[in-house]
Amino acid sequence: LSEQCCTDLNLQNGQQCEMEVQFQINRLWFCEMHKAIDDLPNLDKVFP
């Protein structure tokens, strides 16, 4: 957690607090896979 978060919430080391968590993924990996398909000259071999 950021220092600002701990300060704002008055959190101490070892203290428990219920939180909702949303993970952010690095989409570059997925974009590169999609680009590989987009760059194919035709899709006959991929979707015959």
ModelCIF file with pLDDT and N, C-alpha, C, O atoms, coordinates in Angstrom:
data_MODEL
#
_entry.id   MODEL 
#
_entity.id                         1 
_entity.type                       polymer 
_entity.pdbx_number_of_molecules   1 
#
_entity_poly.entity_id                      1 
_entity_poly.type                           'polypeptide(L)' 
_entity_poly.nstd_linkage                   no 
_entity_poly.nstd_monomer                   no 
_entity_poly.pdbx_seq_one_letter_code       LSEQCCTDLNLQNGQQCEMEVQFQINRLWFCEMHKAIDDLPNLDKVFP 
_entity_poly.pdbx_seq_one_letter_code_can   LSEQCCTDLNLQNGQQCEMEVQFQINRLWFCEMHKAIDDLPNLDKVFP 
_entity_poly.pdbx_strand_id                 A 
#
loop_
_entity_poly_seq.entity_id 
_entity_poly_seq.num 
_entity_poly_seq.mon_id 
_entity_poly_seq.hetero 
1 1  LEU n 
1 2  SER n 
1 3  GLU n 
1 4  GLN n 
1 5  CYS n 
1 6  CYS n 
1 7  THR n 
1 8  ASP n 
1 9  LEU n 
1 10 ASN n 
1 11 LEU n 
1 12 GLN n 
1 13 ASN n 
1 14 GLY n 
1 15 GLN n 
1 16 GLN n 
1 17 CYS n 
1 18 GLU n 
1 19 MET n 
1 20 GLU n 
1 21 VAL n 
1 22 GLN n 
1 23 PHE n 
1 24 GLN n 
1 25 ILE n 
1 26 ASN n 
1 27 ARG n 
1 28 LEU n 
1 29 TRP n 
1 30 PHE n 
1 31 CYS n 
1 32 GLU n 
1 33 MET n 
1 34 HIS n 
1 35 LYS n 
1 36 ALA n 
1 37 ILE n 
1 38 ASP n 
1 39 ASP n 
1 40 LEU n 
1 41 PRO n 
1 42 ASN n 
1 43 LEU n 
1 44 ASP n 
1 45 LYS n 
1 46 VAL n 
1 47 PHE n 
1 48 PRO n 
#
_struct_asym.id          A 
_struct_asym.entity_id   1 
#
loop_
_ma_qa_metric.id 
_ma_qa_metric.mode 
_ma_qa_metric.name 
_ma_qa_metric.software_group_id 
_ma_qa_metric.type 
1 global pLDDT . pLDDT 
2 local  pLDDT . pLDDT 
#
_ma_qa_metric_global.metric_id      1 
_ma_qa_metric_global.metric_value   83.46 
_ma_qa_metric_global.model_id       1 
_ma_qa_metric_global.ordinal_id     1 
#
loop_
_ma_qa_metric_local.label_asym_id 
_ma_qa_metric_local.label_comp_id 
_ma_qa_metric_local.label_seq_id 
_ma_qa_metric_local.metric_id 
_ma_qa_metric_local.metric_value 
_ma_qa_metric_local.model_id 
_ma_qa_metric_local.ordinal_id 
A LEU 1  2 90.00 1 1  
A SER 2  2 90.00 1 2  
A GLU 3  2 91.00 1 3  
A GLN 4  2 91.00 1 4  
A CYS 5  2 90.00 1 5  
A CYS 6  2 90.00 1 6  
A THR 7  2 91.00 1 7  
A ASP 8  2 90.00 1 8  
A LEU 9  2 88.00 1 9  
A ASN 10 2 89.00 1 10 
A LEU 11 2 89.00 1 11 
A GLN 12 2 88.00 1 12 
A ASN 13 2 85.00 1 13 
A GLY 14 2 82.00 1 14 
A GLN 15 2 86.00 1 15 
A GLN 16 2 84.00 1 16 
A CYS 17 2 84.00 1 17 
A GLU 18 2 86.00 1 18 
A MET 19 2 89.00 1 19 
A GLU 20 2 90.00 1 20 
A VAL 21 2 90.00 1 21 
A GLN 22 2 90.00 1 22 
A PHE 23 2 86.00 1 23 
A GLN 24 2 84.00 1 24 
A ILE 25 2 82.00 1 25 
A ASN 26 2 82.00 1 26 
A ARG 27 2 83.00 1 27 
A LEU 28 2 86.00 1 28 
A TRP 29 2 78.00 1 29 
A PHE 30 2 78.00 1 30 
A CYS 31 2 85.00 1 31 
A GLU 32 2 86.00 1 32 
A MET 33 2 79.00 1 33 
A HIS 34 2 81.00 1 34 
A LYS 35 2 86.00 1 35 
A ALA 36 2 82.00 1 36 
A ILE 37 2 79.00 1 37 
A ASP 38 2 83.00 1 38 
A ASP 39 2 86.00 1 39 
A LEU 40 2 82.00 1 40 
A PRO 41 2 84.00 1 41 
A ASN 42 2 80.00 1 42 
A LEU 43 2 75.00 1 43 
A ASP 44 2 72.00 1 44 
A LYS 45 2 67.00 1 45 
A VAL 46 2 67.00 1 46 
A PHE 47 2 66.00 1 47 
A PRO 48 2 64.00 1 48 
#
loop_
_atom_site.group_PDB 
_atom_site.id 
_atom_site.type_symbol 
_atom_site.label_atom_id 
_atom_site.label_alt_id 
_atom_site.label_comp_id 
_atom_site.label_asym_id 
_atom_site.label_entity_id 
_atom_site.label_seq_id 
_atom_site.pdbx_PDB_ins_code 
_atom_site.Cartn_x 
_atom_site.Cartn_y 
_atom_site.Cartn_z 
_atom_site.occupancy 
_atom_site.B_iso_or_equiv 
_atom_site.pdbx_formal_charge 
_atom_site.auth_seq_id 
_atom_site.auth_comp_id 
_atom_site.auth_asym_id 
_atom_site.auth_atom_id 
_atom_site.pdbx_PDB_model_num 
ATOM 1   N N  . LEU A 1 1  ? 0.845   -1.195  0.000   1.00 90.00 ? 1  LEU A N  1 
ATOM 2   C CA . LEU A 1 1  ? 0.000   0.000   0.000   1.00 90.00 ? 1  LEU A CA 1 
ATOM 3   C C  . LEU A 1 1  ? 0.878   1.242   0.000   1.00 90.00 ? 1  LEU A C  1 
ATOM 4   O O  . LEU A 1 1  ? 1.979   1.241   0.550   1.00 90.00 ? 1  LEU A O  1 
ATOM 5   N N  . SER A 1 2  ? 0.384   2.280   -0.613  1.00 90.00 ? 2  SER A N  1 
ATOM 6   C CA . SER A 1 2  ? 1.144   3.536   -0.670  1.00 90.00 ? 2  SER A CA 1 
ATOM 7   C C  . SER A 1 2  ? 1.173   4.193   0.705   1.00 90.00 ? 2  SER A C  1 
ATOM 8   O O  . SER A 1 2  ? 0.343   3.913   1.570   1.00 90.00 ? 2  SER A O  1 
ATOM 9   N N  . GLU A 1 3  ? 2.136   5.058   0.873   1.00 91.00 ? 3  GLU A N  1 
ATOM 10  C CA . GLU A 1 3  ? 2.242   5.794   2.131   1.00 91.00 ? 3  GLU A CA 1 
ATOM 11  C C  . GLU A 1 3  ? 0.994   6.653   2.336   1.00 91.00 ? 3  GLU A C  1 
ATOM 12  O O  . GLU A 1 3  ? 0.498   6.773   3.455   1.00 91.00 ? 3  GLU A O  1 
ATOM 13  N N  . GLN A 1 4  ? 0.490   7.247   1.257   1.00 91.00 ? 4  GLN A N  1 
ATOM 14  C CA . GLN A 1 4  ? -0.718  8.082   1.332   1.00 91.00 ? 4  GLN A CA 1 
ATOM 15  C C  . GLN A 1 4  ? -1.915  7.265   1.808   1.00 91.00 ? 4  GLN A C  1 
ATOM 16  O O  . GLN A 1 4  ? -2.695  7.727   2.641   1.00 91.00 ? 4  GLN A O  1 
ATOM 17  N N  . CYS A 1 5  ? -2.060  6.040   1.274   1.00 90.00 ? 5  CYS A N  1 
ATOM 18  C CA . CYS A 1 5  ? -3.159  5.159   1.680   1.00 90.00 ? 5  CYS A CA 1 
ATOM 19  C C  . CYS A 1 5  ? -3.067  4.836   3.171   1.00 90.00 ? 5  CYS A C  1 
ATOM 20  O O  . CYS A 1 5  ? -4.059  4.928   3.895   1.00 90.00 ? 5  CYS A O  1 
ATOM 21  N N  . CYS A 1 6  ? -1.880  4.460   3.619   1.00 90.00 ? 6  CYS A N  1 
ATOM 22  C CA . CYS A 1 6  ? -1.695  4.109   5.040   1.00 90.00 ? 6  CYS A CA 1 
ATOM 23  C C  . CYS A 1 6  ? -1.960  5.306   5.947   1.00 90.00 ? 6  CYS A C  1 
ATOM 24  O O  . CYS A 1 6  ? -2.555  5.163   7.015   1.00 90.00 ? 6  CYS A O  1 
ATOM 25  N N  . THR A 1 7  ? -1.518  6.488   5.518   1.00 91.00 ? 7  THR A N  1 
ATOM 26  C CA . THR A 1 7  ? -1.743  7.704   6.306   1.00 91.00 ? 7  THR A CA 1 
ATOM 27  C C  . THR A 1 7  ? -3.224  8.045   6.364   1.00 91.00 ? 7  THR A C  1 
ATOM 28  O O  . THR A 1 7  ? -3.770  8.289   7.440   1.00 91.00 ? 7  THR A O  1 
ATOM 29  N N  . ASP A 1 8  ? -3.879  8.060   5.193   1.00 90.00 ? 8  ASP A N  1 
ATOM 30  C CA . ASP A 1 8  ? -5.298  8.410   5.130   1.00 90.00 ? 8  ASP A CA 1 
ATOM 31  C C  . ASP A 1 8  ? -6.166  7.459   5.952   1.00 90.00 ? 8  ASP A C  1 
ATOM 32  O O  . ASP A 1 8  ? -7.128  7.881   6.595   1.00 90.00 ? 8  ASP A O  1 
ATOM 33  N N  . LEU A 1 9  ? -5.818  6.173   5.925   1.00 88.00 ? 9  LEU A N  1 
ATOM 34  C CA . LEU A 1 9  ? -6.626  5.170   6.624   1.00 88.00 ? 9  LEU A CA 1 
ATOM 35  C C  . LEU A 1 9  ? -6.116  4.892   8.035   1.00 88.00 ? 9  LEU A C  1 
ATOM 36  O O  . LEU A 1 9  ? -6.675  4.063   8.752   1.00 88.00 ? 9  LEU A O  1 
ATOM 37  N N  . ASN A 1 10 ? -5.060  5.586   8.426   1.00 89.00 ? 10 ASN A N  1 
ATOM 38  C CA . ASN A 1 10 ? -4.467  5.412   9.746   1.00 89.00 ? 10 ASN A CA 1 
ATOM 39  C C  . ASN A 1 10 ? -4.123  3.943   10.006  1.00 89.00 ? 10 ASN A C  1 
ATOM 40  O O  . ASN A 1 10 ? -4.412  3.399   11.072  1.00 89.00 ? 10 ASN A O  1 
ATOM 41  N N  . LEU A 1 11 ? -3.500  3.321   9.008   1.00 89.00 ? 11 LEU A N  1 
ATOM 42  C CA . LEU A 1 11 ? -3.130  1.901   9.115   1.00 89.00 ? 11 LEU A CA 1 
ATOM 43  C C  . LEU A 1 11 ? -1.747  1.766   9.730   1.00 89.00 ? 11 LEU A C  1 
ATOM 44  O O  . LEU A 1 11 ? -0.834  2.529   9.415   1.00 89.00 ? 11 LEU A O  1 
ATOM 45  N N  . GLN A 1 12 ? -1.611  0.798   10.599  1.00 88.00 ? 12 GLN A N  1 
ATOM 46  C CA . GLN A 1 12 ? -0.337  0.498   11.243  1.00 88.00 ? 12 GLN A CA 1 
ATOM 47  C C  . GLN A 1 12 ? 0.171   -0.845  10.718  1.00 88.00 ? 12 GLN A C  1 
ATOM 48  O O  . GLN A 1 12 ? -0.614  -1.674  10.258  1.00 88.00 ? 12 GLN A O  1 
ATOM 49  N N  . ASN A 1 13 ? 1.472   -1.053  10.788  1.00 85.00 ? 13 ASN A N  1 
ATOM 50  C CA . ASN A 1 13 ? 2.068   -2.305  10.349  1.00 85.00 ? 13 ASN A CA 1 
ATOM 51  C C  . ASN A 1 13 ? 1.455   -3.480  11.117  1.00 85.00 ? 13 ASN A C  1 
ATOM 52  O O  . ASN A 1 13 ? 1.405   -3.455  12.347  1.00 85.00 ? 13 ASN A O  1 
ATOM 53  N N  . GLY A 1 14 ? 0.992   -4.503  10.403  1.00 82.00 ? 14 GLY A N  1 
ATOM 54  C CA . GLY A 1 14 ? 0.398   -5.680  11.026  1.00 82.00 ? 14 GLY A CA 1 
ATOM 55  C C  . GLY A 1 14 ? -1.099  -5.577  11.251  1.00 82.00 ? 14 GLY A C  1 
ATOM 56  O O  . GLY A 1 14 ? -1.740  -6.574  11.585  1.00 82.00 ? 14 GLY A O  1 
ATOM 57  N N  . GLN A 1 15 ? -1.662  -4.407  11.078  1.00 86.00 ? 15 GLN A N  1 
ATOM 58  C CA . GLN A 1 15 ? -3.103  -4.205  11.279  1.00 86.00 ? 15 GLN A CA 1 
ATOM 59  C C  . GLN A 1 15 ? -3.871  -4.838  10.118  1.00 86.00 ? 15 GLN A C  1 
ATOM 60  O O  . GLN A 1 15 ? -3.429  -4.783  8.971   1.00 86.00 ? 15 GLN A O  1 
ATOM 61  N N  . GLN A 1 16 ? -5.021  -5.437  10.423  1.00 84.00 ? 16 GLN A N  1 
ATOM 62  C CA . GLN A 1 16 ? -5.855  -6.031  9.383   1.00 84.00 ? 16 GLN A CA 1 
ATOM 63  C C  . GLN A 1 16 ? -6.979  -5.080  9.001   1.00 84.00 ? 16 GLN A C  1 
ATOM 64  O O  . GLN A 1 16 ? -7.518  -4.351  9.834   1.00 84.00 ? 16 GLN A O  1 
ATOM 65  N N  . CYS A 1 17 ? -7.316  -5.109  7.715   1.00 84.00 ? 17 CYS A N  1 
ATOM 66  C CA . CYS A 1 17 ? -8.341  -4.221  7.195   1.00 84.00 ? 17 CYS A CA 1 
ATOM 67  C C  . CYS A 1 17 ? -8.976  -4.902  5.985   1.00 84.00 ? 17 CYS A C  1 
ATOM 68  O O  . CYS A 1 17 ? -8.258  -5.327  5.080   1.00 84.00 ? 17 CYS A O  1 
ATOM 69  N N  . GLU A 1 18 ? -10.297 -5.014  5.948   1.00 86.00 ? 18 GLU A N  1 
ATOM 70  C CA . GLU A 1 18 ? -10.970 -5.627  4.809   1.00 86.00 ? 18 GLU A CA 1 
ATOM 71  C C  . GLU A 1 18 ? -11.003 -4.630  3.654   1.00 86.00 ? 18 GLU A C  1 
ATOM 72  O O  . GLU A 1 18 ? -11.416 -3.482  3.814   1.00 86.00 ? 18 GLU A O  1 
ATOM 73  N N  . MET A 1 19 ? -10.556 -5.098  2.482   1.00 89.00 ? 19 MET A N  1 
ATOM 74  C CA . MET A 1 19 ? -10.488 -4.226  1.309   1.00 89.00 ? 19 MET A CA 1 
ATOM 75  C C  . MET A 1 19 ? -10.984 -4.970  0.081   1.00 89.00 ? 19 MET A C  1 
ATOM 76  O O  . MET A 1 19 ? -10.868 -6.191  -0.028  1.00 89.00 ? 19 MET A O  1 
ATOM 77  N N  . GLU A 1 20 ? -11.540 -4.192  -0.839  1.00 90.00 ? 20 GLU A N  1 
ATOM 78  C CA . GLU A 1 20 ? -11.837 -4.724  -2.160  1.00 90.00 ? 20 GLU A CA 1 
ATOM 79  C C  . GLU A 1 20 ? -10.582 -4.500  -2.991  1.00 90.00 ? 20 GLU A C  1 
ATOM 80  O O  . GLU A 1 20 ? -9.962  -3.439  -2.917  1.00 90.00 ? 20 GLU A O  1 
ATOM 81  N N  . VAL A 1 21 ? -10.209 -5.503  -3.786  1.00 90.00 ? 21 VAL A N  1 
ATOM 82  C CA . VAL A 1 21 ? -9.010  -5.410  -4.601  1.00 90.00 ? 21 VAL A CA 1 
ATOM 83  C C  . VAL A 1 21 ? -9.379  -5.650  -6.059  1.00 90.00 ? 21 VAL A C  1 
ATOM 84  O O  . VAL A 1 21 ? -10.098 -6.596  -6.380  1.00 90.00 ? 21 VAL A O  1 
ATOM 85  N N  . GLN A 1 22 ? -8.884  -4.794  -6.930  1.00 90.00 ? 22 GLN A N  1 
ATOM 86  C CA . GLN A 1 22 ? -9.050  -4.982  -8.371  1.00 90.00 ? 22 GLN A CA 1 
ATOM 87  C C  . GLN A 1 22 ? -7.659  -5.038  -8.979  1.00 90.00 ? 22 GLN A C  1 
ATOM 88  O O  . GLN A 1 22 ? -6.882  -4.091  -8.861  1.00 90.00 ? 22 GLN A O  1 
ATOM 89  N N  . PHE A 1 23 ? -7.348  -6.162  -9.636  1.00 86.00 ? 23 PHE A N  1 
ATOM 90  C CA . PHE A 1 23 ? -6.025  -6.323  -10.239 1.00 86.00 ? 23 PHE A CA 1 
ATOM 91  C C  . PHE A 1 23 ? -6.015  -5.735  -11.638 1.00 86.00 ? 23 PHE A C  1 
ATOM 92  O O  . PHE A 1 23 ? -6.958  -5.920  -12.407 1.00 86.00 ? 23 PHE A O  1 
ATOM 93  N N  . GLN A 1 24 ? -4.950  -5.030  -11.961 1.00 84.00 ? 24 GLN A N  1 
ATOM 94  C CA . GLN A 1 24 ? -4.765  -4.467  -13.291 1.00 84.00 ? 24 GLN A CA 1 
ATOM 95  C C  . GLN A 1 24 ? -3.701  -5.299  -14.001 1.00 84.00 ? 24 GLN A C  1 
ATOM 96  O O  . GLN A 1 24 ? -2.590  -5.458  -13.496 1.00 84.00 ? 24 GLN A O  1 
ATOM 97  N N  . ILE A 1 25 ? -4.047  -5.825  -15.168 1.00 82.00 ? 25 ILE A N  1 
ATOM 98  C CA . ILE A 1 25 ? -3.092  -6.658  -15.882 1.00 82.00 ? 25 ILE A CA 1 
ATOM 99  C C  . ILE A 1 25 ? -2.360  -5.844  -16.939 1.00 82.00 ? 25 ILE A C  1 
ATOM 100 O O  . ILE A 1 25 ? -2.842  -4.809  -17.400 1.00 82.00 ? 25 ILE A O  1 
ATOM 101 N N  . ASN A 1 26 ? -1.204  -6.328  -17.304 1.00 82.00 ? 26 ASN A N  1 
ATOM 102 C CA . ASN A 1 26 ? -0.426  -5.739  -18.377 1.00 82.00 ? 26 ASN A CA 1 
ATOM 103 C C  . ASN A 1 26 ? -0.987  -6.290  -19.682 1.00 82.00 ? 26 ASN A C  1 
ATOM 104 O O  . ASN A 1 26 ? -0.805  -7.470  -19.983 1.00 82.00 ? 26 ASN A O  1 
ATOM 105 N N  . ARG A 1 27 ? -1.657  -5.463  -20.449 1.00 83.00 ? 27 ARG A N  1 
ATOM 106 C CA . ARG A 1 27 ? -2.340  -5.900  -21.660 1.00 83.00 ? 27 ARG A CA 1 
ATOM 107 C C  . ARG A 1 27 ? -1.405  -6.039  -22.860 1.00 83.00 ? 27 ARG A C  1 
ATOM 108 O O  . ARG A 1 27 ? -1.830  -6.528  -23.907 1.00 83.00 ? 27 ARG A O  1 
ATOM 109 N N  . LEU A 1 28 ? -0.159  -5.628  -22.738 1.00 86.00 ? 28 LEU A N  1 
ATOM 110 C CA . LEU A 1 28 ? 0.767   -5.670  -23.863 1.00 86.00 ? 28 LEU A CA 1 
ATOM 111 C C  . LEU A 1 28 ? 0.886   -7.089  -24.431 1.00 86.00 ? 28 LEU A C  1 
ATOM 112 O O  . LEU A 1 28 ? 0.900   -7.273  -25.648 1.00 86.00 ? 28 LEU A O  1 
ATOM 113 N N  . TRP A 1 29 ? 0.969   -8.069  -23.564 1.00 78.00 ? 29 TRP A N  1 
ATOM 114 C CA . TRP A 1 29 ? 1.087   -9.468  -23.972 1.00 78.00 ? 29 TRP A CA 1 
ATOM 115 C C  . TRP A 1 29 ? -0.099  -9.869  -24.855 1.00 78.00 ? 29 TRP A C  1 
ATOM 116 O O  . TRP A 1 29 ? 0.086   -10.499 -25.897 1.00 78.00 ? 29 TRP A O  1 
ATOM 117 N N  . PHE A 1 30 ? -1.308  -9.507  -24.442 1.00 78.00 ? 30 PHE A N  1 
ATOM 118 C CA . PHE A 1 30 ? -2.503  -9.835  -25.216 1.00 78.00 ? 30 PHE A CA 1 
ATOM 119 C C  . PHE A 1 30 ? -2.539  -9.046  -26.521 1.00 78.00 ? 30 PHE A C  1 
ATOM 120 O O  . PHE A 1 30 ? -2.934  -9.582  -27.557 1.00 78.00 ? 30 PHE A O  1 
ATOM 121 N N  . CYS A 1 31 ? -2.135  -7.794  -26.483 1.00 85.00 ? 31 CYS A N  1 
ATOM 122 C CA . CYS A 1 31 ? -2.109  -6.958  -27.694 1.00 85.00 ? 31 CYS A CA 1 
ATOM 123 C C  . CYS A 1 31 ? -1.145  -7.528  -28.725 1.00 85.00 ? 31 CYS A C  1 
ATOM 124 O O  . CYS A 1 31 ? -1.443  -7.513  -29.920 1.00 85.00 ? 31 CYS A O  1 
ATOM 125 N N  . GLU A 1 32 ? 0.004   -8.031  -28.285 1.00 86.00 ? 32 GLU A N  1 
ATOM 126 C CA . GLU A 1 32 ? 0.968   -8.615  -29.209 1.00 86.00 ? 32 GLU A CA 1 
ATOM 127 C C  . GLU A 1 32 ? 0.411   -9.864  -29.875 1.00 86.00 ? 32 GLU A C  1 
ATOM 128 O O  . GLU A 1 32 ? 0.647   -10.084 -31.063 1.00 86.00 ? 32 GLU A O  1 
ATOM 129 N N  . MET A 1 33 ? -0.324  -10.684 -29.132 1.00 79.00 ? 33 MET A N  1 
ATOM 130 C CA . MET A 1 33 ? -0.941  -11.876 -29.720 1.00 79.00 ? 33 MET A CA 1 
ATOM 131 C C  . MET A 1 33 ? -2.000  -11.477 -30.747 1.00 79.00 ? 33 MET A C  1 
ATOM 132 O O  . MET A 1 33 ? -2.076  -12.074 -31.821 1.00 79.00 ? 33 MET A O  1 
ATOM 133 N N  . HIS A 1 34 ? -2.811  -10.480 -30.428 1.00 81.00 ? 34 HIS A N  1 
ATOM 134 C CA . HIS A 1 34 ? -3.824  -10.014 -31.372 1.00 81.00 ? 34 HIS A CA 1 
ATOM 135 C C  . HIS A 1 34 ? -3.171  -9.407  -32.618 1.00 81.00 ? 34 HIS A C  1 
ATOM 136 O O  . HIS A 1 34 ? -3.662  -9.601  -33.730 1.00 81.00 ? 34 HIS A O  1 
ATOM 137 N N  . LYS A 1 35 ? -2.078  -8.680  -32.440 1.00 86.00 ? 35 LYS A N  1 
ATOM 138 C CA . LYS A 1 35 ? -1.380  -8.077  -33.575 1.00 86.00 ? 35 LYS A CA 1 
ATOM 139 C C  . LYS A 1 35 ? -0.840  -9.156  -34.503 1.00 86.00 ? 35 LYS A C  1 
ATOM 140 O O  . LYS A 1 35 ? -0.877  -8.991  -35.722 1.00 86.00 ? 35 LYS A O  1 
ATOM 141 N N  . ALA A 1 36 ? -0.342  -10.255 -33.952 1.00 82.00 ? 36 ALA A N  1 
ATOM 142 C CA . ALA A 1 36 ? 0.169   -11.350 -34.781 1.00 82.00 ? 36 ALA A CA 1 
ATOM 143 C C  . ALA A 1 36 ? -0.928  -11.885 -35.697 1.00 82.00 ? 36 ALA A C  1 
ATOM 144 O O  . ALA A 1 36 ? -0.663  -12.182 -36.862 1.00 82.00 ? 36 ALA A O  1 
ATOM 145 N N  . ILE A 1 37 ? -2.136  -12.011 -35.199 1.00 79.00 ? 37 ILE A N  1 
ATOM 146 C CA . ILE A 1 37 ? -3.264  -12.464 -36.024 1.00 79.00 ? 37 ILE A CA 1 
ATOM 147 C C  . ILE A 1 37 ? -3.654  -11.365 -37.009 1.00 79.00 ? 37 ILE A C  1 
ATOM 148 O O  . ILE A 1 37 ? -3.897  -11.647 -38.182 1.00 79.00 ? 37 ILE A O  1 
ATOM 149 N N  . ASP A 1 38 ? -3.716  -10.120 -36.547 1.00 83.00 ? 38 ASP A N  1 
ATOM 150 C CA . ASP A 1 38 ? -4.089  -9.004  -37.426 1.00 83.00 ? 38 ASP A CA 1 
ATOM 151 C C  . ASP A 1 38 ? -3.119  -8.840  -38.589 1.00 83.00 ? 38 ASP A C  1 
ATOM 152 O O  . ASP A 1 38 ? -3.522  -8.399  -39.666 1.00 83.00 ? 38 ASP A O  1 
ATOM 153 N N  . ASP A 1 39 ? -1.846  -9.186  -38.395 1.00 86.00 ? 39 ASP A N  1 
ATOM 154 C CA . ASP A 1 39 ? -0.829  -9.004  -39.430 1.00 86.00 ? 39 ASP A CA 1 
ATOM 155 C C  . ASP A 1 39 ? -0.801  -10.126 -40.467 1.00 86.00 ? 39 ASP A C  1 
ATOM 156 O O  . ASP A 1 39 ? -0.074  -10.021 -41.455 1.00 86.00 ? 39 ASP A O  1 
ATOM 157 N N  . LEU A 1 40 ? -1.565  -11.187 -40.268 1.00 82.00 ? 40 LEU A N  1 
ATOM 158 C CA . LEU A 1 40 ? -1.590  -12.267 -41.247 1.00 82.00 ? 40 LEU A CA 1 
ATOM 159 C C  . LEU A 1 40 ? -2.154  -11.758 -42.574 1.00 82.00 ? 40 LEU A C  1 
ATOM 160 O O  . LEU A 1 40 ? -3.129  -11.006 -42.578 1.00 82.00 ? 40 LEU A O  1 
ATOM 161 N N  . PRO A 1 41 ? -1.552  -12.158 -43.705 1.00 84.00 ? 41 PRO A N  1 
ATOM 162 C CA . PRO A 1 41 ? -2.062  -11.684 -44.995 1.00 84.00 ? 41 PRO A CA 1 
ATOM 163 C C  . PRO A 1 41 ? -3.487  -12.169 -45.280 1.00 84.00 ? 41 PRO A C  1 
ATOM 164 O O  . PRO A 1 41 ? -4.279  -11.447 -45.885 1.00 84.00 ? 41 PRO A O  1 
ATOM 165 N N  . ASN A 1 42 ? -3.808  -13.375 -44.851 1.00 80.00 ? 42 ASN A N  1 
ATOM 166 C CA . ASN A 1 42 ? -5.190  -13.857 -44.921 1.00 80.00 ? 42 ASN A CA 1 
ATOM 167 C C  . ASN A 1 42 ? -5.396  -14.868 -43.811 1.00 80.00 ? 42 ASN A C  1 
ATOM 168 O O  . ASN A 1 42 ? -4.430  -15.360 -43.227 1.00 80.00 ? 42 ASN A O  1 
ATOM 169 N N  . LEU A 1 43 ? -6.623  -15.176 -43.523 1.00 75.00 ? 43 LEU A N  1 
ATOM 170 C CA . LEU A 1 43 ? -6.942  -16.052 -42.393 1.00 75.00 ? 43 LEU A CA 1 
ATOM 171 C C  . LEU A 1 43 ? -7.330  -17.461 -42.825 1.00 75.00 ? 43 LEU A C  1 
ATOM 172 O O  . LEU A 1 43 ? -7.897  -18.211 -42.031 1.00 75.00 ? 43 LEU A O  1 
ATOM 173 N N  . ASP A 1 44 ? -7.035  -17.836 -44.072 1.00 72.00 ? 44 ASP A N  1 
ATOM 174 C CA . ASP A 1 44 ? -7.419  -19.160 -44.570 1.00 72.00 ? 44 ASP A CA 1 
ATOM 175 C C  . ASP A 1 44 ? -6.801  -20.289 -43.760 1.00 72.00 ? 44 ASP A C  1 
ATOM 176 O O  . ASP A 1 44 ? -7.450  -21.309 -43.532 1.00 72.00 ? 44 ASP A O  1 
ATOM 177 N N  . LYS A 1 45 ? -5.566  -20.125 -43.326 1.00 67.00 ? 45 LYS A N  1 
ATOM 178 C CA . LYS A 1 45 ? -4.909  -21.182 -42.551 1.00 67.00 ? 45 LYS A CA 1 
ATOM 179 C C  . LYS A 1 45 ? -5.354  -21.191 -41.092 1.00 67.00 ? 45 LYS A C  1 
ATOM 180 O O  . LYS A 1 45 ? -5.344  -22.233 -40.437 1.00 67.00 ? 45 LYS A O  1 
ATOM 181 N N  . VAL A 1 46 ? -5.740  -20.031 -40.594 1.00 67.00 ? 46 VAL A N  1 
ATOM 182 C CA . VAL A 1 46 ? -6.165  -19.942 -39.195 1.00 67.00 ? 46 VAL A CA 1 
ATOM 183 C C  . VAL A 1 46 ? -7.621  -20.374 -39.036 1.00 67.00 ? 46 VAL A C  1 
ATOM 184 O O  . VAL A 1 46 ? -7.959  -21.116 -38.114 1.00 67.00 ? 46 VAL A O  1 
ATOM 185 N N  . PHE A 1 47 ? -8.476  -19.904 -39.942 1.00 66.00 ? 47 PHE A N  1 
ATOM 186 C CA . PHE A 1 47 ? -9.889  -20.264 -39.927 1.00 66.00 ? 47 PHE A CA 1 
ATOM 187 C C  . PHE A 1 47 ? -10.247 -20.894 -41.273 1.00 66.00 ? 47 PHE A C  1 
ATOM 188 O O  . PHE A 1 47 ? -10.908 -20.257 -42.092 1.00 66.00 ? 47 PHE A O  1 
ATOM 189 N N  . PRO A 1 48 ? -9.817  -22.143 -41.514 1.00 64.00 ? 48 PRO A N  1 
ATOM 190 C CA . PRO A 1 48 ? -10.056 -22.752 -42.818 1.00 64.00 ? 48 PRO A CA 1 
ATOM 191 C C  . PRO A 1 48 ? -11.522 -23.115 -43.027 1.00 64.00 ? 48 PRO A C  1 
ATOM 192 O O  . PRO A 1 48 ? -11.884 -23.639 -44.081 1.00 64.00 ? 48 PRO A O  1 
#
